Amino acid sequence: MKFVSTLFRGAALVSLLSGLMPAAPAAAQAPPADVVTVPNVSGAINVDVPVYIRDISGTPIGIDQPAGSRIQSYSLTVNYAPASAVQSITFTRAGITQALTPSFESNPTSPGTASLIDNFNEATNLIPFTSNAPAPGDQVGVLHVHLDPSLAPGTVAVRTAAQRLVLDVPAAVAAAEEVLRS
């Protein structure tokens, strides 16, 4: 009987405490995220494809954050298919990063992939993002694509991996160091 009484008091205490706890929201809200946009473009043999970053306020890094927590490094990779349809591709800085001097930059390419890795010193080359700029955001790069002249219209698809931006500064620096080692 003593065990049942102790069990009942324990259950009553748990019931009381759980009544004081706030209920969990029905659906957890996703935290805000910065966005990379590679828009659809059309053209003939030579096509320039702008690449944008939209800096959303309230994310861990961004222009609205204190020094040391701003977007100063990024690693952008664009995949395209079929690789045989592209004779050459380059990924360069443009827009708000064009006039800046990176402390590190790399533009690796391989069949089906083009990347742009940049790192800027915040004290001397702050990337001037506009917080909550209208979509698609601020242009940071451009893909210069030279297509195979015999290509049928609508053959090439340029896309990013899930349209996600890597804003992990240590990872971007590690990627830059890896490129330097190779």
N, C-alpha and C. Protein backbone atom coordinates (compact mmCIF):
# COMPACT_ATOMS: atom_id res chain seq x y z
N MET A 1 0.82 -1.20 0.00
CA MET A 1 0.00 0.00 0.00
C MET A 1 0.86 1.25 0.00
N LYS A 2 1.96 1.24 0.76
CA LYS A 2 2.86 2.37 0.82
C LYS A 2 3.42 2.66 -0.58
N PHE A 3 3.75 1.62 -1.35
CA PHE A 3 4.27 1.78 -2.70
C PHE A 3 3.24 2.47 -3.60
N VAL A 4 1.98 2.07 -3.50
CA VAL A 4 0.91 2.65 -4.31
C VAL A 4 0.73 4.12 -3.95
N SER A 5 0.80 4.45 -2.65
CA SER A 5 0.67 5.84 -2.21
C SER A 5 1.82 6.68 -2.77
N THR A 6 3.06 6.16 -2.71
CA THR A 6 4.22 6.88 -3.23
C THR A 6 4.09 7.06 -4.74
N LEU A 7 3.65 6.01 -5.43
CA LEU A 7 3.46 6.07 -6.87
C LEU A 7 2.41 7.13 -7.22
N PHE A 8 1.30 7.17 -6.45
CA PHE A 8 0.24 8.14 -6.72
C PHE A 8 0.76 9.57 -6.52
N ARG A 9 1.52 9.80 -5.39
CA ARG A 9 2.06 11.14 -5.15
C ARG A 9 3.02 11.53 -6.27
N GLY A 10 3.84 10.57 -6.73
CA GLY A 10 4.77 10.85 -7.83
C GLY A 10 4.02 11.20 -9.11
N ALA A 11 2.95 10.47 -9.39
CA ALA A 11 2.16 10.76 -10.59
C ALA A 11 1.48 12.12 -10.47
N ALA A 12 0.99 12.46 -9.28
CA ALA A 12 0.35 13.75 -9.07
C ALA A 12 1.36 14.88 -9.25
N LEU A 13 2.59 14.69 -8.75
CA LEU A 13 3.63 15.70 -8.90
C LEU A 13 3.98 15.90 -10.38
N VAL A 14 4.10 14.81 -11.13
CA VAL A 14 4.40 14.90 -12.56
C VAL A 14 3.26 15.61 -13.28
N SER A 15 2.02 15.28 -12.92
CA SER A 15 0.87 15.94 -13.54
C SER A 15 0.87 17.43 -13.26
N LEU A 16 1.17 17.80 -12.02
CA LEU A 16 1.20 19.21 -11.64
C LEU A 16 2.30 19.94 -12.40
N LEU A 17 3.49 19.34 -12.44
CA LEU A 17 4.60 20.00 -13.13
C LEU A 17 4.35 20.11 -14.63
N SER A 18 3.79 19.08 -15.22
CA SER A 18 3.55 19.15 -16.66
C SER A 18 2.45 20.16 -16.97
N GLY A 19 1.58 20.43 -16.03
CA GLY A 19 0.58 21.46 -16.23
C GLY A 19 1.17 22.85 -16.24
N LEU A 20 2.32 23.01 -15.58
CA LEU A 20 2.98 24.31 -15.53
C LEU A 20 3.86 24.57 -16.76
N MET A 21 4.18 23.52 -17.49
CA MET A 21 5.06 23.66 -18.64
C MET A 21 4.27 24.12 -19.85
N PRO A 22 4.82 25.01 -20.64
CA PRO A 22 4.09 25.45 -21.84
C PRO A 22 3.97 24.31 -22.84
N ALA A 23 2.88 24.33 -23.53
CA ALA A 23 2.66 23.31 -24.56
C ALA A 23 3.60 23.55 -25.73
N ALA A 24 4.04 22.47 -26.35
CA ALA A 24 4.90 22.59 -27.53
C ALA A 24 4.07 23.14 -28.69
N PRO A 25 4.68 23.96 -29.53
CA PRO A 25 3.93 24.47 -30.68
C PRO A 25 3.53 23.32 -31.60
N ALA A 26 2.41 23.51 -32.29
CA ALA A 26 1.90 22.47 -33.18
C ALA A 26 2.91 22.12 -34.26
N ALA A 27 3.55 23.11 -34.83
CA ALA A 27 4.58 22.88 -35.84
C ALA A 27 5.73 23.83 -35.58
N ALA A 28 6.91 23.27 -35.41
CA ALA A 28 8.08 24.10 -35.16
C ALA A 28 8.38 24.96 -36.39
N GLN A 29 8.66 26.23 -36.16
CA GLN A 29 9.00 27.11 -37.26
C GLN A 29 10.46 26.93 -37.65
N ALA A 30 10.72 26.90 -38.92
CA ALA A 30 12.09 26.80 -39.39
C ALA A 30 12.79 28.14 -39.14
N PRO A 31 14.05 28.09 -38.70
CA PRO A 31 14.77 29.34 -38.49
C PRO A 31 15.00 30.04 -39.83
N PRO A 32 15.17 31.36 -39.80
CA PRO A 32 15.43 32.06 -41.07
C PRO A 32 16.74 31.57 -41.69
N ALA A 33 16.81 31.62 -42.99
CA ALA A 33 18.01 31.17 -43.70
C ALA A 33 18.32 32.11 -44.86
N ASP A 34 19.60 32.35 -45.08
CA ASP A 34 20.03 33.10 -46.25
C ASP A 34 19.80 32.22 -47.48
N VAL A 35 19.66 32.85 -48.64
CA VAL A 35 19.25 32.12 -49.84
C VAL A 35 20.19 32.42 -51.00
N VAL A 36 20.51 31.39 -51.77
CA VAL A 36 21.26 31.55 -53.02
C VAL A 36 20.27 31.37 -54.16
N THR A 37 20.34 32.25 -55.16
CA THR A 37 19.45 32.14 -56.33
C THR A 37 20.29 32.12 -57.60
N VAL A 38 20.04 31.12 -58.42
CA VAL A 38 20.60 31.05 -59.77
C VAL A 38 19.38 31.04 -60.68
N PRO A 39 19.04 32.19 -61.29
CA PRO A 39 17.80 32.27 -62.06
C PRO A 39 17.90 31.54 -63.39
N ASN A 40 16.74 31.25 -63.95
CA ASN A 40 16.68 30.70 -65.30
C ASN A 40 17.02 31.80 -66.29
N VAL A 41 17.88 31.51 -67.22
CA VAL A 41 18.21 32.46 -68.29
C VAL A 41 18.19 31.71 -69.61
N SER A 42 18.08 32.45 -70.68
CA SER A 42 18.14 31.82 -71.99
C SER A 42 19.10 32.63 -72.85
N GLY A 43 19.65 31.96 -73.83
CA GLY A 43 20.59 32.64 -74.71
C GLY A 43 21.04 31.70 -75.80
N ALA A 44 21.95 32.18 -76.61
CA ALA A 44 22.44 31.40 -77.73
C ALA A 44 23.71 30.67 -77.32
N ILE A 45 24.83 31.06 -77.88
CA ILE A 45 26.10 30.36 -77.63
C ILE A 45 26.74 30.81 -76.32
N ASN A 46 26.78 32.11 -76.07
CA ASN A 46 27.38 32.64 -74.84
C ASN A 46 26.28 33.16 -73.93
N VAL A 47 26.26 32.65 -72.72
CA VAL A 47 25.21 33.00 -71.77
C VAL A 47 25.86 33.40 -70.44
N ASP A 48 25.44 34.53 -69.89
CA ASP A 48 25.88 34.94 -68.56
C ASP A 48 24.74 34.68 -67.59
N VAL A 49 25.04 33.94 -66.53
CA VAL A 49 24.04 33.57 -65.53
C VAL A 49 24.41 34.23 -64.21
N PRO A 50 23.63 35.21 -63.75
CA PRO A 50 23.95 35.87 -62.48
C PRO A 50 23.66 34.93 -61.29
N VAL A 51 24.43 35.12 -60.22
CA VAL A 51 24.24 34.34 -59.00
C VAL A 51 24.07 35.33 -57.85
N TYR A 52 23.04 35.12 -57.04
CA TYR A 52 22.67 36.06 -55.99
C TYR A 52 22.70 35.41 -54.61
N ILE A 53 22.98 36.23 -53.61
CA ILE A 53 22.80 35.82 -52.21
C ILE A 53 21.84 36.82 -51.59
N ARG A 54 20.82 36.29 -50.93
CA ARG A 54 19.87 37.13 -50.20
C ARG A 54 20.14 36.95 -48.71
N ASP A 55 20.64 38.02 -48.08
CA ASP A 55 20.99 38.03 -46.66
C ASP A 55 19.73 38.34 -45.86
N ILE A 56 19.23 37.35 -45.15
CA ILE A 56 18.01 37.49 -44.35
C ILE A 56 18.39 37.84 -42.91
N SER A 57 17.76 38.87 -42.35
CA SER A 57 18.07 39.26 -40.97
C SER A 57 17.66 38.15 -40.00
N GLY A 58 18.37 38.09 -38.89
CA GLY A 58 18.06 37.11 -37.87
C GLY A 58 18.80 35.80 -38.02
N THR A 59 19.60 35.65 -39.07
CA THR A 59 20.41 34.44 -39.21
C THR A 59 21.68 34.62 -38.40
N PRO A 60 22.41 33.54 -38.09
CA PRO A 60 23.61 33.67 -37.26
C PRO A 60 24.69 34.57 -37.84
N ILE A 61 24.76 34.65 -39.17
CA ILE A 61 25.73 35.56 -39.78
C ILE A 61 25.01 36.43 -40.80
N GLY A 62 25.45 37.67 -40.91
CA GLY A 62 24.83 38.58 -41.86
C GLY A 62 25.20 40.01 -41.55
N ILE A 63 24.81 40.91 -42.43
CA ILE A 63 25.14 42.32 -42.30
C ILE A 63 24.52 42.94 -41.04
N ASP A 64 23.45 42.31 -40.52
CA ASP A 64 22.79 42.81 -39.31
C ASP A 64 23.46 42.32 -38.03
N GLN A 65 24.50 41.53 -38.15
CA GLN A 65 25.20 40.97 -36.99
C GLN A 65 26.44 41.80 -36.66
N PRO A 66 26.98 41.63 -35.45
CA PRO A 66 28.18 42.39 -35.08
C PRO A 66 29.41 41.94 -35.87
N ALA A 67 30.45 42.75 -35.82
CA ALA A 67 31.71 42.42 -36.50
C ALA A 67 32.15 41.02 -36.10
N GLY A 68 32.65 40.28 -37.06
CA GLY A 68 33.06 38.91 -36.83
C GLY A 68 31.97 37.90 -37.13
N SER A 69 30.75 38.36 -37.34
CA SER A 69 29.62 37.48 -37.63
C SER A 69 28.90 37.89 -38.90
N ARG A 70 29.65 38.41 -39.85
CA ARG A 70 29.06 38.84 -41.12
C ARG A 70 29.45 37.85 -42.21
N ILE A 71 28.73 37.87 -43.32
CA ILE A 71 29.06 36.99 -44.44
C ILE A 71 30.29 37.57 -45.13
N GLN A 72 31.42 36.96 -44.93
CA GLN A 72 32.67 37.42 -45.53
C GLN A 72 33.33 36.31 -46.34
N SER A 73 32.79 35.10 -46.27
CA SER A 73 33.29 33.96 -47.02
C SER A 73 32.12 33.17 -47.54
N TYR A 74 32.28 32.59 -48.70
CA TYR A 74 31.25 31.70 -49.23
C TYR A 74 31.88 30.73 -50.19
N SER A 75 31.22 29.62 -50.35
CA SER A 75 31.60 28.59 -51.31
C SER A 75 30.34 28.24 -52.08
N LEU A 76 30.30 28.60 -53.34
CA LEU A 76 29.12 28.37 -54.18
C LEU A 76 29.48 27.35 -55.25
N THR A 77 28.64 26.34 -55.41
CA THR A 77 28.85 25.33 -56.45
C THR A 77 27.59 25.22 -57.29
N VAL A 78 27.74 25.30 -58.58
CA VAL A 78 26.63 25.15 -59.51
C VAL A 78 26.90 23.91 -60.35
N ASN A 79 25.90 23.04 -60.44
CA ASN A 79 25.98 21.84 -61.26
C ASN A 79 25.16 22.06 -62.52
N TYR A 80 25.61 21.48 -63.63
CA TYR A 80 24.87 21.61 -64.89
C TYR A 80 24.93 20.29 -65.64
N ALA A 81 23.94 20.07 -66.48
CA ALA A 81 23.87 18.83 -67.24
C ALA A 81 23.15 19.09 -68.55
N PRO A 82 23.49 18.41 -69.63
CA PRO A 82 24.61 17.49 -69.72
C PRO A 82 25.93 18.26 -69.85
N ALA A 83 26.97 17.73 -69.23
CA ALA A 83 28.28 18.39 -69.23
C ALA A 83 28.82 18.58 -70.64
N SER A 84 28.51 17.68 -71.54
CA SER A 84 29.01 17.76 -72.92
C SER A 84 28.45 18.96 -73.67
N ALA A 85 27.36 19.55 -73.19
CA ALA A 85 26.74 20.69 -73.86
C ALA A 85 27.48 21.99 -73.60
N VAL A 86 28.36 22.00 -72.61
CA VAL A 86 29.09 23.21 -72.24
C VAL A 86 30.54 23.07 -72.71
N GLN A 87 30.95 23.99 -73.59
CA GLN A 87 32.34 23.96 -74.05
C GLN A 87 33.28 24.57 -73.03
N SER A 88 32.83 25.63 -72.35
CA SER A 88 33.63 26.22 -71.27
C SER A 88 32.71 26.96 -70.31
N ILE A 89 33.17 27.06 -69.07
CA ILE A 89 32.40 27.77 -68.05
C ILE A 89 33.38 28.38 -67.06
N THR A 90 33.11 29.61 -66.66
CA THR A 90 33.89 30.25 -65.60
C THR A 90 32.92 30.88 -64.62
N PHE A 91 33.32 30.93 -63.37
CA PHE A 91 32.49 31.48 -62.30
C PHE A 91 33.32 32.59 -61.67
N THR A 92 32.87 33.83 -61.82
CA THR A 92 33.64 34.97 -61.32
C THR A 92 32.80 35.86 -60.41
N ARG A 93 33.47 36.71 -59.66
CA ARG A 93 32.78 37.69 -58.81
C ARG A 93 32.07 38.70 -59.70
N ALA A 94 30.95 39.23 -59.18
CA ALA A 94 30.20 40.27 -59.89
C ALA A 94 29.35 41.01 -58.86
N GLY A 95 28.69 42.04 -59.31
CA GLY A 95 27.78 42.77 -58.42
C GLY A 95 28.51 43.39 -57.24
N ILE A 96 28.04 43.11 -56.02
CA ILE A 96 28.59 43.77 -54.83
C ILE A 96 29.99 43.29 -54.46
N THR A 97 30.46 42.19 -55.05
CA THR A 97 31.81 41.70 -54.73
C THR A 97 32.84 42.04 -55.81
N GLN A 98 32.38 42.54 -56.94
CA GLN A 98 33.28 42.75 -58.08
C GLN A 98 34.43 43.70 -57.76
N ALA A 99 34.17 44.81 -57.07
CA ALA A 99 35.21 45.79 -56.79
C ALA A 99 36.03 45.46 -55.56
N LEU A 100 35.63 44.43 -54.81
CA LEU A 100 36.36 44.07 -53.59
C LEU A 100 37.59 43.23 -53.93
N THR A 101 38.54 43.24 -53.02
CA THR A 101 39.75 42.44 -53.18
C THR A 101 39.69 41.28 -52.19
N PRO A 102 39.54 40.05 -52.70
CA PRO A 102 39.48 38.92 -51.78
C PRO A 102 40.86 38.59 -51.19
N SER A 103 40.85 38.09 -49.95
CA SER A 103 42.11 37.60 -49.39
C SER A 103 42.40 36.20 -49.92
N PHE A 104 41.37 35.52 -50.40
CA PHE A 104 41.52 34.24 -51.07
C PHE A 104 40.38 34.09 -52.07
N GLU A 105 40.70 33.54 -53.23
CA GLU A 105 39.67 33.24 -54.22
C GLU A 105 40.10 32.03 -55.03
N SER A 106 39.14 31.17 -55.33
CA SER A 106 39.39 30.01 -56.19
C SER A 106 38.14 29.77 -57.02
N ASN A 107 38.35 29.35 -58.27
CA ASN A 107 37.24 29.10 -59.21
C ASN A 107 37.39 27.70 -59.82
N PRO A 108 37.36 26.65 -59.00
CA PRO A 108 37.55 25.31 -59.59
C PRO A 108 36.36 24.89 -60.46
N THR A 109 36.68 24.19 -61.54
CA THR A 109 35.65 23.64 -62.41
C THR A 109 36.01 22.19 -62.73
N SER A 110 35.01 21.43 -63.04
CA SER A 110 35.17 20.07 -63.55
C SER A 110 33.94 19.81 -64.41
N PRO A 111 33.96 18.78 -65.25
CA PRO A 111 32.78 18.54 -66.09
C PRO A 111 31.49 18.46 -65.26
N GLY A 112 30.55 19.34 -65.55
CA GLY A 112 29.28 19.34 -64.84
C GLY A 112 29.23 20.21 -63.60
N THR A 113 30.34 20.86 -63.25
CA THR A 113 30.39 21.63 -62.00
C THR A 113 31.29 22.85 -62.15
N ALA A 114 30.84 23.96 -61.58
CA ALA A 114 31.66 25.17 -61.49
C ALA A 114 31.48 25.74 -60.08
N SER A 115 32.57 26.17 -59.47
CA SER A 115 32.51 26.70 -58.11
C SER A 115 33.20 28.04 -58.01
N LEU A 116 32.79 28.80 -57.00
CA LEU A 116 33.43 30.07 -56.66
C LEU A 116 33.60 30.08 -55.15
N ILE A 117 34.84 30.17 -54.71
CA ILE A 117 35.15 30.21 -53.28
C ILE A 117 35.85 31.54 -53.03
N ASP A 118 35.26 32.35 -52.15
CA ASP A 118 35.82 33.67 -51.85
C ASP A 118 35.91 33.88 -50.35
N ASN A 119 36.94 34.60 -49.94
CA ASN A 119 37.10 35.03 -48.56
C ASN A 119 37.57 36.48 -48.60
N PHE A 120 36.86 37.35 -47.86
CA PHE A 120 37.19 38.77 -47.82
C PHE A 120 37.49 39.19 -46.39
N ASN A 121 38.47 40.06 -46.22
CA ASN A 121 38.80 40.60 -44.90
C ASN A 121 37.71 41.60 -44.53
N GLU A 122 37.07 41.37 -43.39
CA GLU A 122 35.95 42.22 -42.97
C GLU A 122 36.39 43.66 -42.72
N ALA A 123 37.59 43.87 -42.19
CA ALA A 123 38.05 45.22 -41.86
C ALA A 123 38.33 46.06 -43.10
N THR A 124 38.78 45.42 -44.17
CA THR A 124 39.17 46.18 -45.36
C THR A 124 38.26 45.98 -46.56
N ASN A 125 37.49 44.89 -46.58
CA ASN A 125 36.62 44.56 -47.73
C ASN A 125 35.30 43.97 -47.26
N LEU A 126 34.57 44.73 -46.48
CA LEU A 126 33.26 44.29 -46.01
C LEU A 126 32.33 44.10 -47.21
N ILE A 127 31.72 42.93 -47.32
CA ILE A 127 30.77 42.71 -48.40
C ILE A 127 29.50 43.49 -48.05
N PRO A 128 29.10 44.45 -48.90
CA PRO A 128 27.98 45.33 -48.56
C PRO A 128 26.59 44.74 -48.87
N PHE A 129 26.27 43.65 -48.19
CA PHE A 129 24.94 43.06 -48.40
C PHE A 129 23.86 44.01 -47.93
N THR A 130 22.70 43.91 -48.54
CA THR A 130 21.51 44.65 -48.12
C THR A 130 20.65 43.67 -47.34
N SER A 131 20.46 43.92 -46.04
CA SER A 131 19.65 43.03 -45.23
C SER A 131 18.21 43.00 -45.75
N ASN A 132 17.70 41.79 -45.94
CA ASN A 132 16.33 41.58 -46.43
C ASN A 132 16.07 42.25 -47.77
N ALA A 133 17.08 42.26 -48.63
CA ALA A 133 16.89 42.81 -49.99
C ALA A 133 15.77 42.04 -50.68
N PRO A 134 15.04 42.69 -51.57
CA PRO A 134 14.01 41.95 -52.31
C PRO A 134 14.66 40.80 -53.10
N ALA A 135 13.91 39.73 -53.30
CA ALA A 135 14.41 38.60 -54.07
C ALA A 135 14.81 39.08 -55.46
N PRO A 136 15.87 38.64 -56.01
CA PRO A 136 16.68 37.50 -55.61
C PRO A 136 17.83 37.84 -54.64
N GLY A 137 18.00 39.08 -54.24
CA GLY A 137 19.08 39.45 -53.33
C GLY A 137 20.15 40.26 -54.03
N ASP A 138 21.36 40.21 -53.48
CA ASP A 138 22.49 40.95 -54.04
C ASP A 138 23.31 40.03 -54.94
N GLN A 139 23.66 40.51 -56.13
CA GLN A 139 24.47 39.70 -57.03
C GLN A 139 25.89 39.62 -56.48
N VAL A 140 26.44 38.39 -56.41
CA VAL A 140 27.81 38.18 -55.93
C VAL A 140 28.69 37.52 -56.98
N GLY A 141 28.08 36.93 -58.00
CA GLY A 141 28.87 36.24 -59.00
C GLY A 141 28.12 36.12 -60.32
N VAL A 142 28.85 35.62 -61.31
CA VAL A 142 28.25 35.37 -62.62
C VAL A 142 28.95 34.17 -63.24
N LEU A 143 28.14 33.31 -63.84
CA LEU A 143 28.66 32.19 -64.61
C LEU A 143 28.72 32.61 -66.07
N HIS A 144 29.89 32.52 -66.67
CA HIS A 144 30.06 32.79 -68.10
C HIS A 144 30.08 31.42 -68.78
N VAL A 145 29.02 31.12 -69.51
CA VAL A 145 28.86 29.80 -70.11
C VAL A 145 28.97 29.91 -71.62
N HIS A 146 29.84 29.08 -72.21
CA HIS A 146 29.97 28.99 -73.66
C HIS A 146 29.45 27.61 -74.06
N LEU A 147 28.30 27.61 -74.75
CA LEU A 147 27.63 26.36 -75.12
C LEU A 147 28.14 25.81 -76.44
N ASP A 148 27.96 24.52 -76.61
CA ASP A 148 28.28 23.86 -77.86
C ASP A 148 27.33 24.43 -78.92
N PRO A 149 27.86 24.97 -80.05
CA PRO A 149 27.02 25.60 -81.07
C PRO A 149 25.99 24.64 -81.70
N SER A 150 26.25 23.34 -81.65
CA SER A 150 25.31 22.39 -82.27
C SER A 150 24.20 21.96 -81.30
N LEU A 151 24.15 22.56 -80.16
CA LEU A 151 23.19 22.19 -79.12
C LEU A 151 21.77 22.59 -79.48
N ALA A 152 20.83 21.69 -79.23
CA ALA A 152 19.41 22.00 -79.45
C ALA A 152 18.93 22.91 -78.31
N PRO A 153 18.08 23.88 -78.60
CA PRO A 153 17.57 24.77 -77.55
C PRO A 153 16.92 23.99 -76.40
N GLY A 154 17.16 24.48 -75.17
CA GLY A 154 16.55 23.87 -73.99
C GLY A 154 17.27 22.64 -73.48
N THR A 155 18.49 22.37 -73.95
CA THR A 155 19.19 21.15 -73.58
C THR A 155 19.91 21.25 -72.24
N VAL A 156 20.41 22.43 -71.88
CA VAL A 156 21.25 22.54 -70.68
C VAL A 156 20.43 23.02 -69.49
N ALA A 157 20.63 22.37 -68.38
CA ALA A 157 20.01 22.80 -67.12
C ALA A 157 21.12 23.21 -66.17
N VAL A 158 21.07 24.42 -65.66
CA VAL A 158 22.03 24.89 -64.67
C VAL A 158 21.28 24.92 -63.35
N ARG A 159 21.85 24.30 -62.33
CA ARG A 159 21.16 24.25 -61.04
C ARG A 159 22.17 24.21 -59.91
N THR A 160 21.74 24.60 -58.71
CA THR A 160 22.59 24.46 -57.53
C THR A 160 22.09 23.27 -56.74
N ALA A 161 22.95 22.74 -55.91
CA ALA A 161 22.55 21.61 -55.07
C ALA A 161 21.54 22.11 -54.04
N ALA A 162 20.30 21.83 -54.26
CA ALA A 162 19.18 22.20 -53.38
C ALA A 162 19.12 23.71 -53.13
N GLN A 163 19.71 24.51 -54.01
CA GLN A 163 19.68 25.97 -53.87
C GLN A 163 20.11 26.43 -52.49
N ARG A 164 21.06 25.70 -51.87
CA ARG A 164 21.51 26.06 -50.53
C ARG A 164 22.86 26.73 -50.60
N LEU A 165 23.05 27.64 -49.73
CA LEU A 165 24.28 28.40 -49.63
C LEU A 165 25.08 27.90 -48.44
N VAL A 166 26.35 27.68 -48.64
CA VAL A 166 27.21 27.29 -47.53
C VAL A 166 27.72 28.57 -46.88
N LEU A 167 27.23 28.85 -45.69
CA LEU A 167 27.64 30.05 -44.97
C LEU A 167 28.41 29.69 -43.71
N ASP A 168 28.99 28.51 -43.71
CA ASP A 168 29.79 28.07 -42.58
C ASP A 168 31.20 28.58 -42.83
N VAL A 169 31.56 29.66 -42.13
CA VAL A 169 32.84 30.30 -42.38
C VAL A 169 34.01 29.35 -42.19
N PRO A 170 34.08 28.56 -41.08
CA PRO A 170 35.21 27.63 -40.96
C PRO A 170 35.27 26.64 -42.12
N ALA A 171 34.12 26.18 -42.61
CA ALA A 171 34.11 25.24 -43.73
C ALA A 171 34.61 25.92 -45.01
N ALA A 172 34.24 27.18 -45.22
CA ALA A 172 34.70 27.90 -46.41
C ALA A 172 36.20 28.12 -46.35
N VAL A 173 36.72 28.45 -45.16
CA VAL A 173 38.16 28.63 -45.01
C VAL A 173 38.88 27.31 -45.20
N ALA A 174 38.32 26.21 -44.65
CA ALA A 174 38.92 24.89 -44.82
C ALA A 174 38.94 24.51 -46.30
N ALA A 175 37.86 24.82 -47.02
CA ALA A 175 37.82 24.52 -48.46
C ALA A 175 38.89 25.31 -49.19
N ALA A 176 39.06 26.57 -48.81
CA ALA A 176 40.08 27.42 -49.43
C ALA A 176 41.47 26.86 -49.15
N GLU A 177 41.71 26.43 -47.92
CA GLU A 177 43.01 25.85 -47.56
C GLU A 177 43.26 24.57 -48.33
N GLU A 178 42.22 23.75 -48.52
CA GLU A 178 42.34 22.50 -49.27
C GLU A 178 42.72 22.79 -50.71
N VAL A 179 42.12 23.80 -51.31
CA VAL A 179 42.45 24.17 -52.70
C VAL A 179 43.90 24.63 -52.77
N LEU A 180 44.34 25.38 -51.76
CA LEU A 180 45.73 25.84 -51.75
C LEU A 180 46.71 24.69 -51.64
N ARG A 181 46.35 23.64 -50.90
CA ARG A 181 47.23 22.49 -50.75
C ARG A 181 47.32 21.66 -52.02
N SER A 182 46.26 21.68 -52.84
CA SER A 182 46.25 20.81 -54.03
C SER A 182 46.97 21.44 -55.19
